[in-house]
Amino acid sequence: MDEEWTPLDCLLPSGKQSICLIILNQPLDKDHLQILWSKALLRACADGAANQLYNITAGDRDNFLPDYISGDFDSIRAEVKAFYADKVDTIVTLGGLAGRFDQIMASVETLFHARSMTQLPVLIIQETSLACLLRPGNHRLGVNTGLEGEWCGLIPVGGPCQTVTTGLKWNLNNQVLQFGKLVSTSNTYEPTAPGNPRKSVTVTTDQPLLWSMGIHMNGK
């Protein structure tokens, strides 16, 4: 005999099923939403459904943030899109800097593609390394969390970059970083007196520039 399956287990607060919740652009039942949301391991909305979710959760929206909103985004209202987009500060990719060298370079190239997909910073983290692509312009990087390793670097992966920095041991003053000429690897942070907090690092670049830095494993 086949194992018994209870379809409405998903609507029981005491139910045992692990569920993925997909919300479509139809009127929502708030009681069902609350039960299913609390049980779901993953929550996704079609773009128009985000309007429904936004409306029905008025006053408590921060507790109903979907993991994904997908679609062509012709149905979602501008204020709804702005609300959900504003709830993410950074995109973090775990893994991508180890193993085959060609795949590491593919991870770096993906950072270039990401520029046209999002304005958010995109980080790649693996073991004791972090990499992210700085857009052209001015950047201020906080480096006083206690998790920073000793090394950092600026790599002109996409082409020559005219660069100005502060807060590094070996700063750049309108120098051009370029393969075959100058690359800022094995740099570190400006020394500080004992007990003084480390200064921020500032970077100004005229082209996309790869920032890399060491990480202390487990903060040690």
C-alpha atoms as a PDB file:
ATOM      1  CA  MET A   1       0.000   0.000   0.000  1.00  0.00           C
ATOM      2  CA  ASP A   2       1.282   3.491  -0.848  1.00  0.00           C
ATOM      3  CA  GLU A   3       2.281   5.741   2.037  1.00  0.00           C
ATOM      4  CA  GLU A   4      -0.557   8.033   3.111  1.00  0.00           C
ATOM      5  CA  TRP A   5      -0.216  11.702   2.151  1.00  0.00           C
ATOM      6  CA  THR A   6      -2.378  14.434   3.683  1.00  0.00           C
ATOM      7  CA  PRO A   7      -2.899  17.320   1.238  1.00  0.00           C
ATOM      8  CA  LEU A   8      -4.165  19.772   3.862  1.00  0.00           C
ATOM      9  CA  ASP A   9      -1.281  19.097   6.223  1.00  0.00           C
ATOM     10  CA  CYS A  10       0.251  22.266   4.750  1.00  0.00           C
ATOM     11  CA  LEU A  11      -2.526  24.377   6.312  1.00  0.00           C
ATOM     12  CA  LEU A  12      -2.220  22.845   9.767  1.00  0.00           C
ATOM     13  CA  PRO A  13      -0.054  24.914  12.140  1.00  0.00           C
ATOM     14  CA  SER A  14       1.071  21.574  13.579  1.00  0.00           C
ATOM     15  CA  GLY A  15       1.568  20.025  10.133  1.00  0.00           C
ATOM     16  CA  LYS A  16       4.782  18.152   9.360  1.00  0.00           C
ATOM     17  CA  GLN A  17       5.231  18.918   5.673  1.00  0.00           C
ATOM     18  CA  SER A  18       8.149  21.069   4.503  1.00  0.00           C
ATOM     19  CA  ILE A  19       6.815  23.407   1.860  1.00  0.00           C
ATOM     20  CA  CYS A  20       7.898  25.900  -0.783  1.00  0.00           C
ATOM     21  CA  LEU A  21       5.356  28.739  -1.096  1.00  0.00           C
ATOM     22  CA  ILE A  22       4.691  30.305  -4.514  1.00  0.00           C
ATOM     23  CA  ILE A  23       2.316  33.282  -4.532  1.00  0.00           C
ATOM     24  CA  LEU A  24       0.486  34.150  -7.758  1.00  0.00           C
ATOM     25  CA  ASN A  25      -1.283  37.328  -8.797  1.00  0.00           C
ATOM     26  CA  GLN A  26      -4.696  36.487  -7.314  1.00  0.00           C
ATOM     27  CA  PRO A  27      -6.556  37.715  -4.198  1.00  0.00           C
ATOM     28  CA  LEU A  28      -4.902  36.290  -1.075  1.00  0.00           C
ATOM     29  CA  ASP A  29      -6.491  34.806   2.031  1.00  0.00           C
ATOM     30  CA  LYS A  30      -4.658  36.330   4.982  1.00  0.00           C
ATOM     31  CA  ASP A  31      -5.218  33.358   7.308  1.00  0.00           C
ATOM     32  CA  HIS A  32      -3.845  30.939   4.727  1.00  0.00           C
ATOM     33  CA  LEU A  33      -0.945  33.272   4.000  1.00  0.00           C
ATOM     34  CA  GLN A  34       0.102  33.513   7.635  1.00  0.00           C
ATOM     35  CA  ILE A  35       0.072  29.740   8.171  1.00  0.00           C
ATOM     36  CA  LEU A  36       1.836  28.892   4.912  1.00  0.00           C
ATOM     37  CA  TRP A  37       4.388  31.682   5.299  1.00  0.00           C
ATOM     38  CA  SER A  38       5.351  30.520   8.785  1.00  0.00           C
ATOM     39  CA  LYS A  39       5.904  26.952   7.535  1.00  0.00           C
ATOM     40  CA  ALA A  40       7.609  27.672   4.210  1.00  0.00           C
ATOM     41  CA  LEU A  41      11.318  26.974   3.719  1.00  0.00           C
ATOM     42  CA  LEU A  42      11.316  29.155   0.590  1.00  0.00           C
ATOM     43  CA  ARG A  43       8.895  31.924  -0.429  1.00  0.00           C
ATOM     44  CA  ALA A  44       8.537  33.248  -3.973  1.00  0.00           C
ATOM     45  CA  CYS A  45       6.228  35.706  -5.751  1.00  0.00           C
ATOM     46  CA  ALA A  46       5.343  36.348  -9.351  1.00  0.00           C
ATOM     47  CA  ASP A  47       5.902  40.052 -10.007  1.00  0.00           C
ATOM     48  CA  GLY A  48       2.184  40.946  -9.966  1.00  0.00           C
ATOM     49  CA  ALA A  49       1.697  38.825  -6.843  1.00  0.00           C
ATOM     50  CA  ALA A  50       4.096  41.120  -5.012  1.00  0.00           C
ATOM     51  CA  ASN A  51       1.359  43.781  -5.246  1.00  0.00           C
ATOM     52  CA  GLN A  52      -1.061  41.396  -3.527  1.00  0.00           C
ATOM     53  CA  LEU A  53       1.465  40.540  -0.815  1.00  0.00           C
ATOM     54  CA  TYR A  54       2.313  44.209  -0.286  1.00  0.00           C
ATOM     55  CA  ASN A  55      -1.349  45.148   0.088  1.00  0.00           C
ATOM     56  CA  ILE A  56      -2.408  42.365   2.448  1.00  0.00           C
ATOM     57  CA  THR A  57       0.576  42.765   4.791  1.00  0.00           C
ATOM     58  CA  ALA A  58       0.193  46.514   5.369  1.00  0.00           C
ATOM     59  CA  GLY A  59       1.536  47.382   8.813  1.00  0.00           C
ATOM     60  CA  ASP A  60       3.654  44.233   9.023  1.00  0.00           C
ATOM     61  CA  ARG A  61       5.479  44.130   5.674  1.00  0.00           C
ATOM     62  CA  ASP A  62       8.973  43.639   7.095  1.00  0.00           C
ATOM     63  CA  ASN A  63       7.873  40.227   8.390  1.00  0.00           C
ATOM     64  CA  PHE A  64       6.679  39.143   4.942  1.00  0.00           C
ATOM     65  CA  LEU A  65       9.688  39.578   2.661  1.00  0.00           C
ATOM     66  CA  PRO A  66       9.804  36.952  -0.121  1.00  0.00           C
ATOM     67  CA  ASP A  67      13.015  35.172  -1.038  1.00  0.00           C
ATOM     68  CA  TYR A  68      12.334  35.688  -4.749  1.00  0.00           C
ATOM     69  CA  ILE A  69      10.228  37.938  -6.961  1.00  0.00           C
ATOM     70  CA  SER A  70      10.318  36.803 -10.581  1.00  0.00           C
ATOM     71  CA  GLY A  71       8.747  37.804 -13.882  1.00  0.00           C
ATOM     72  CA  ASP A  72       9.100  40.470 -16.536  1.00  0.00           C
ATOM     73  CA  PHE A  73       8.173  43.164 -13.961  1.00  0.00           C
ATOM     74  CA  ASP A  74       5.520  44.792 -16.127  1.00  0.00           C
ATOM     75  CA  SER A  75       2.826  44.091 -13.493  1.00  0.00           C
ATOM     76  CA  ILE A  76       4.511  45.127 -10.258  1.00  0.00           C
ATOM     77  CA  ARG A  77       3.783  48.681  -9.085  1.00  0.00           C
ATOM     78  CA  ALA A  78       6.763  51.019  -8.834  1.00  0.00           C
ATOM     79  CA  GLU A  79       6.359  51.614  -5.077  1.00  0.00           C
ATOM     80  CA  VAL A  80       6.078  47.872  -4.448  1.00  0.00           C
ATOM     81  CA  LYS A  81       9.217  47.112  -6.457  1.00  0.00           C
ATOM     82  CA  ALA A  82      11.086  49.887  -4.639  1.00  0.00           C
ATOM     83  CA  PHE A  83       9.942  48.606  -1.215  1.00  0.00           C
ATOM     84  CA  TYR A  84      11.174  45.048  -1.758  1.00  0.00           C
ATOM     85  CA  ALA A  85      14.339  46.066  -3.612  1.00  0.00           C
ATOM     86  CA  ASP A  86      15.289  48.336  -0.716  1.00  0.00           C
ATOM     87  CA  LYS A  87      15.303  45.392   1.725  1.00  0.00           C
ATOM     88  CA  VAL A  88      18.562  43.988   0.317  1.00  0.00           C
ATOM     89  CA  ASP A  89      21.907  45.707   0.857  1.00  0.00           C
ATOM     90  CA  THR A  90      24.373  43.239  -0.623  1.00  0.00           C
ATOM     91  CA  ILE A  91      24.380  40.082  -2.739  1.00  0.00           C
ATOM     92  CA  VAL A  92      26.819  37.472  -1.437  1.00  0.00           C
ATOM     93  CA  THR A  93      28.048  34.473  -3.410  1.00  0.00           C
ATOM     94  CA  LEU A  94      29.559  31.770  -1.222  1.00  0.00           C
ATOM     95  CA  GLY A  95      32.165  29.882  -3.233  1.00  0.00           C
ATOM     96  CA  GLY A  96      33.749  30.665  -6.584  1.00  0.00           C
ATOM     97  CA  LEU A  97      37.352  31.504  -5.716  1.00  0.00           C
ATOM     98  CA  ALA A  98      38.827  28.013  -5.379  1.00  0.00           C
ATOM     99  CA  GLY A  99      39.590  25.045  -7.572  1.00  0.00           C
ATOM    100  CA  ARG A 100      40.046  25.393 -11.337  1.00  0.00           C
ATOM    101  CA  PHE A 101      41.600  28.677 -12.422  1.00  0.00           C
ATOM    102  CA  ASP A 102      39.317  29.037 -15.466  1.00  0.00           C
ATOM    103  CA  GLN A 103      36.271  28.748 -13.220  1.00  0.00           C
ATOM    104  CA  ILE A 104      37.701  31.355 -10.842  1.00  0.00           C
ATOM    105  CA  MET A 105      38.043  33.705 -13.812  1.00  0.00           C
ATOM    106  CA  ALA A 106      34.466  32.873 -14.821  1.00  0.00           C
ATOM    107  CA  SER A 107      33.347  33.956 -11.334  1.00  0.00           C
ATOM    108  CA  VAL A 108      35.172  37.257 -11.778  1.00  0.00           C
ATOM    109  CA  GLU A 109      33.635  37.738 -15.224  1.00  0.00           C
ATOM    110  CA  THR A 110      30.187  37.187 -13.705  1.00  0.00           C
ATOM    111  CA  LEU A 111      30.802  40.269 -11.548  1.00  0.00           C
ATOM    112  CA  PHE A 112      31.030  42.293 -14.754  1.00  0.00           C
ATOM    113  CA  HIS A 113      27.704  40.894 -15.982  1.00  0.00           C
ATOM    114  CA  ALA A 114      26.116  41.666 -12.607  1.00  0.00           C
ATOM    115  CA  ARG A 115      26.674  45.398 -13.103  1.00  0.00           C
ATOM    116  CA  SER A 116      23.841  45.502 -15.639  1.00  0.00           C
ATOM    117  CA  MET A 117      21.543  43.371 -13.462  1.00  0.00           C
ATOM    118  CA  THR A 118      21.705  45.169 -10.115  1.00  0.00           C
ATOM    119  CA  GLN A 119      23.053  48.301  -8.469  1.00  0.00           C
ATOM    120  CA  LEU A 120      23.757  46.323  -5.287  1.00  0.00           C
ATOM    121  CA  PRO A 121      27.307  45.311  -4.356  1.00  0.00           C
ATOM    122  CA  VAL A 122      28.005  41.684  -5.319  1.00  0.00           C
ATOM    123  CA  LEU A 123      30.578  39.832  -3.195  1.00  0.00           C
ATOM    124  CA  ILE A 124      32.289  36.494  -3.752  1.00  0.00           C
ATOM    125  CA  ILE A 125      33.521  34.874  -0.551  1.00  0.00           C
ATOM    126  CA  GLN A 126      35.497  31.652  -0.242  1.00  0.00           C
ATOM    127  CA  GLU A 127      37.445  30.565   2.825  1.00  0.00           C
ATOM    128  CA  THR A 128      39.983  33.364   3.488  1.00  0.00           C
ATOM    129  CA  SER A 129      39.280  35.534   0.431  1.00  0.00           C
ATOM    130  CA  LEU A 130      36.694  38.093  -0.679  1.00  0.00           C
ATOM    131  CA  ALA A 131      36.391  39.709  -4.099  1.00  0.00           C
ATOM    132  CA  CYS A 132      34.039  42.367  -5.446  1.00  0.00           C
ATOM    133  CA  LEU A 133      33.975  44.655  -8.461  1.00  0.00           C
ATOM    134  CA  LEU A 134      34.055  48.385  -7.727  1.00  0.00           C
ATOM    135  CA  ARG A 135      32.139  50.491 -10.238  1.00  0.00           C
ATOM    136  CA  PRO A 136      33.702  53.643 -11.690  1.00  0.00           C
ATOM    137  CA  GLY A 137      33.491  56.398  -9.093  1.00  0.00           C
ATOM    138  CA  ASN A 138      34.246  56.923  -5.413  1.00  0.00           C
ATOM    139  CA  HIS A 139      34.096  54.191  -2.776  1.00  0.00           C
ATOM    140  CA  ARG A 140      34.586  54.147   0.999  1.00  0.00           C
ATOM    141  CA  LEU A 141      35.227  50.677   2.425  1.00  0.00           C
ATOM    142  CA  GLY A 142      34.898  49.971   6.137  1.00  0.00           C
ATOM    143  CA  VAL A 143      37.745  47.686   7.224  1.00  0.00           C
ATOM    144  CA  ASN A 144      37.453  47.675  11.009  1.00  0.00           C
ATOM    145  CA  THR A 145      35.168  44.708  11.748  1.00  0.00           C
ATOM    146  CA  GLY A 146      37.936  42.518  13.161  1.00  0.00           C
ATOM    147  CA  LEU A 147      37.365  39.946  10.406  1.00  0.00           C
ATOM    148  CA  GLU A 148      39.812  41.527   7.961  1.00  0.00           C
ATOM    149  CA  GLY A 149      42.988  39.638   7.121  1.00  0.00           C
ATOM    150  CA  GLU A 150      46.298  41.384   6.582  1.00  0.00           C
ATOM    151  CA  TRP A 151      46.291  41.561   2.790  1.00  0.00           C
ATOM    152  CA  CYS A 152      44.212  43.381   0.213  1.00  0.00           C
ATOM    153  CA  GLY A 153      44.553  44.205  -3.456  1.00  0.00           C
ATOM    154  CA  LEU A 154      43.223  46.149  -6.431  1.00  0.00           C
ATOM    155  CA  ILE A 155      43.248  44.221  -9.706  1.00  0.00           C
ATOM    156  CA  PRO A 156      42.533  45.909 -13.085  1.00  0.00           C
ATOM    157  CA  VAL A 157      40.840  42.856 -14.595  1.00  0.00           C
ATOM    158  CA  GLY A 158      38.844  44.610 -17.321  1.00  0.00           C
ATOM    159  CA  GLY A 159      41.473  47.075 -18.533  1.00  0.00           C
ATOM    160  CA  PRO A 160      43.551  50.059 -17.361  1.00  0.00           C
ATOM    161  CA  CYS A 161      42.186  51.884 -14.301  1.00  0.00           C
ATOM    162  CA  GLN A 162      43.303  55.322 -13.148  1.00  0.00           C
ATOM    163  CA  THR A 163      43.144  54.996  -9.388  1.00  0.00           C
ATOM    164  CA  VAL A 164      43.414  57.060  -6.201  1.00  0.00           C
ATOM    165  CA  THR A 165      43.344  55.448  -2.746  1.00  0.00           C
ATOM    166  CA  THR A 166      43.677  56.328   0.921  1.00  0.00           C
ATOM    167  CA  GLY A 167      43.928  54.059   3.958  1.00  0.00           C
ATOM    168  CA  LEU A 168      46.382  51.597   2.409  1.00  0.00           C
ATOM    169  CA  LYS A 169      50.025  51.088   3.274  1.00  0.00           C
ATOM    170  CA  TRP A 170      50.893  51.645  -0.388  1.00  0.00           C
ATOM    171  CA  ASN A 171      48.400  54.160  -1.734  1.00  0.00           C
ATOM    172  CA  LEU A 172      47.839  55.086  -5.356  1.00  0.00           C
ATOM    173  CA  ASN A 173      47.820  58.704  -6.495  1.00  0.00           C
ATOM    174  CA  ASN A 174      46.249  58.861  -9.954  1.00  0.00           C
ATOM    175  CA  GLN A 175      48.415  55.981 -11.096  1.00  0.00           C
ATOM    176  CA  VAL A 176      47.181  53.667 -13.840  1.00  0.00           C
ATOM    177  CA  LEU A 177      46.727  50.043 -12.834  1.00  0.00           C
ATOM    178  CA  GLN A 178      47.234  47.775 -15.830  1.00  0.00           C
ATOM    179  CA  PHE A 179      48.481  44.247 -16.454  1.00  0.00           C
ATOM    180  CA  GLY A 180      52.071  44.421 -17.651  1.00  0.00           C
ATOM    181  CA  LYS A 181      52.625  47.722 -15.821  1.00  0.00           C
ATOM    182  CA  LEU A 182      51.301  48.049 -12.256  1.00  0.00           C
ATOM    183  CA  VAL A 183      48.955  45.848 -10.219  1.00  0.00           C
ATOM    184  CA  SER A 184      48.307  46.468  -6.507  1.00  0.00           C
ATOM    185  CA  THR A 185      48.582  42.961  -5.077  1.00  0.00           C
ATOM    186  CA  SER A 186      49.909  42.074  -1.611  1.00  0.00           C
ATOM    187  CA  ASN A 187      48.910  45.495  -0.312  1.00  0.00           C
ATOM    188  CA  THR A 188      47.754  45.999   3.270  1.00  0.00           C
ATOM    189  CA  TYR A 189      46.131  48.638   5.423  1.00  0.00           C
ATOM    190  CA  GLU A 190      47.635  51.839   6.753  1.00  0.00           C
ATOM    191  CA  PRO A 191      49.262  51.166  10.127  1.00  0.00           C
ATOM    192  CA  THR A 192      47.552  52.638  13.183  1.00  0.00           C
ATOM    193  CA  ALA A 193      48.710  53.193  16.727  1.00  0.00           C
ATOM    194  CA  PRO A 194      47.717  50.545  19.291  1.00  0.00           C
ATOM    195  CA  GLY A 195      44.156  51.089  20.452  1.00  0.00           C
ATOM    196  CA  ASN A 196      43.249  53.335  17.518  1.00  0.00           C
ATOM    197  CA  PRO A 197      40.614  52.123  15.059  1.00  0.00           C
ATOM    198  CA  ARG A 198      41.734  51.418  11.531  1.00  0.00           C
ATOM    199  CA  LYS A 199      40.784  54.082   8.996  1.00  0.00           C
ATOM    200  CA  SER A 200      38.425  53.394   6.132  1.00  0.00           C
ATOM    201  CA  VAL A 201      39.887  52.643   2.725  1.00  0.00           C
ATOM    202  CA  THR A 202      38.793  54.974  -0.068  1.00  0.00           C
ATOM    203  CA  VAL A 203      39.104  54.062  -3.729  1.00  0.00           C
ATOM    204  CA  THR A 204      38.416  56.266  -6.738  1.00  0.00           C
ATOM    205  CA  THR A 205      38.597  54.597 -10.124  1.00  0.00           C
ATOM    206  CA  ASP A 206      37.616  55.572 -13.667  1.00  0.00           C
ATOM    207  CA  GLN A 207      36.923  51.962 -14.740  1.00  0.00           C
ATOM    208  CA  PRO A 208      35.560  48.812 -13.030  1.00  0.00           C
ATOM    209  CA  LEU A 209      38.239  47.634 -10.607  1.00  0.00           C
ATOM    210  CA  LEU A 210      38.412  44.363  -8.663  1.00  0.00           C
ATOM    211  CA  TRP A 211      38.841  44.759  -4.890  1.00  0.00           C
ATOM    212  CA  SER A 212      40.140  41.713  -3.025  1.00  0.00           C
ATOM    213  CA  MET A 213      40.847  41.225   0.662  1.00  0.00           C
ATOM    214  CA  GLY A 214      41.753  38.565   3.168  1.00  0.00           C
ATOM    215  CA  ILE A 215      39.344  37.216   5.768  1.00  0.00           C
ATOM    216  CA  HIS A 216      40.203  35.811   9.184  1.00  0.00           C
ATOM    217  CA  MET A 217      38.555  32.381   9.383  1.00  0.00           C
ATOM    218  CA  ASN A 218      35.984  32.401  12.240  1.00  0.00           C
ATOM    219  CA  GLY A 219      37.199  35.862  13.204  1.00  0.00           C
ATOM    220  CA  LYS A 220      40.536  34.480  14.447  1.00  0.00           C
END
